Structure formats: structure tokens, C-alpha cells
Amino acid sequence: MADFVLTKVDGAVGVITLNRPEKLNAWNAEMRVQLIAALEALEADAAVRAIILTGAGDRAFGAGQDLSETKSFDADRAEVWVGEWERLYDRIRSLSKPIVAAINGVAAGSAFQVALLCDIRIGHEDTTMGQPEIKSGIASTTGPWIMREIIGLSRTIDLTLTGRMMDAEECFRIGTLSRLVPKAALMDEAMRLAGELAELPPTAMRLDRQRFREMTEAGFRDCLSAGVRIQREAYASGEPARMMEKFLVERAARKAARTA
């Protein structure tokens, strides 16, 4: 089995790295399973008091869903897919320990959403973030919920319907990035901040995270219920498969042109 997620512990800080750099750390089902397992292991380790989540390589935190997986989904598999995301998002939300996201490049689609579920997000000048799912025929349900919580409804509508990506300055200005640092300093700053969080009282930290979860739980459950309904309708229409195939063909053509 491939190691799509790497974990190490440095003192009181656990570091999780999404590890599909050749795919810009795009998600597949096994990667989601491995990330849940990594989070559970660090949650159970009493010596770990804070967590960093980042991506392998210097191009991407995560490019979102691997379209080569989802392009063949039917309505039933799409419903199962929503359940896979529910398990991952619920695990992130229910941790007792703070999570710092070190956004080392692109954070798109579901990777953008995972970054927003982390407590503090640090990026650099080449970080880009956004919700481009509409361009590959994927309807957004969990994305608009978490974006609205962070940046409000107007910006959520803009990003969801246009599918545009934001540069680092815009991300910092509107709050999808909490900190903006030089590229070379990203992991050092993430370790410094996670170390500070690890020194804070753990019971208060757990209770604060618990309260944030309670405040947003109704919206989270609503978006998942809507996700099942909407993704079943979307995939039954056949539009996602057509759009993803078109996107993959165009991407392959661009890659071929660059290497010609």
C-alpha cells in the first residue's frame, strides 16, 4: 500500500504531510482513509499537543479531488463519496488538539476546504486558494458551508460560481490565510506557532475547539444532507463525467504542448 500520508512527531508537535506530489497531493479514497488514521494516531498520543498539516513538494498543499477517481462515479458511488468526506471532516472537527495548516502552494477544492477546517492557516507569496470545482462539473455543498463561516456569503457565491483562484494577498486580506510569510520561512513559522499552541493549557484548548464545533454543527450536518441529495442528482445527470473527461483531455493537451 502506498504511503499517501506521512506522519512524524517533533517534540509536542505532530506533522502530517499529504504525499502524492506527482498528483499535486490530490485526494483519492485511500488518501482520505490514511489521513483519518494519522489524525487519530496523533489524537491518541498524549505527548502531542498540536498538529501541522502540509503537502509534499513545493507546488501544492493539495489540488483537490483526483478527477481520475470521480469521473466514473454514478449516483450511488457519489453518495458513498459524500460519506467519506463526512468521516474526514468530522475527525478534523472533533480533535482536541489545534491544527495549523502550512499551505505550501495550491489549495483547491476539497483541499481548500480542509485548510479552512484547520484552526490557523499559514501561506507564502506563491500560495493560491479557491473553489474551482464547478469547472470540472462538481457541484459544491460542503465548500459553500465552510467558506460562508470564514468569509461570508457574498465572497462564497463569487468563489463558488466563478471557480476562480485567489492569490496570496487576497487570501490574507479576506481571512482564508491567517498568516503570510516568506516562502523559505513557511515550515519554520508553522513549527513555531504549533509549538506555542502546544504550550497552552490542553483542557481549555479542547473545550475551545469543542465549542467551535458546537457552534457550527447544525450547518455541517445540513451541508452533508444536501451533499447526498445534490451529488446524486448531479452524477445521475452525467454532467460531472462529461466535464471531468473534457478537463482531463485539455490538461493532457496542455502538458503535451509544454513538453513538445
Foldseek 3Di string as FASTA:
>chain_A
DDCQWDWDDDFQEIEIEREPVVQLSADDLVSLVNVLVRLVVNLPDPRHAAYEQAYPDQAWSYAYHDLVHVLPDALVVLLVVLVSVVSSLVSLLQRLHAYEYLTRHEQEAVSLVVLLSGDAYEYEQRHKYAYLVVQLQDQDQSQLLSCCVQQNNVVSCVRRVVVDIDGPVVCCVRPSHVYYDHNVCRVVVVVVVRVVRSPDDSVVSSVVSVVVCVVSVVSNVVSSVVSSVVSNVSNNVSRSSVSNVVVVVVVVVVVVVVVD
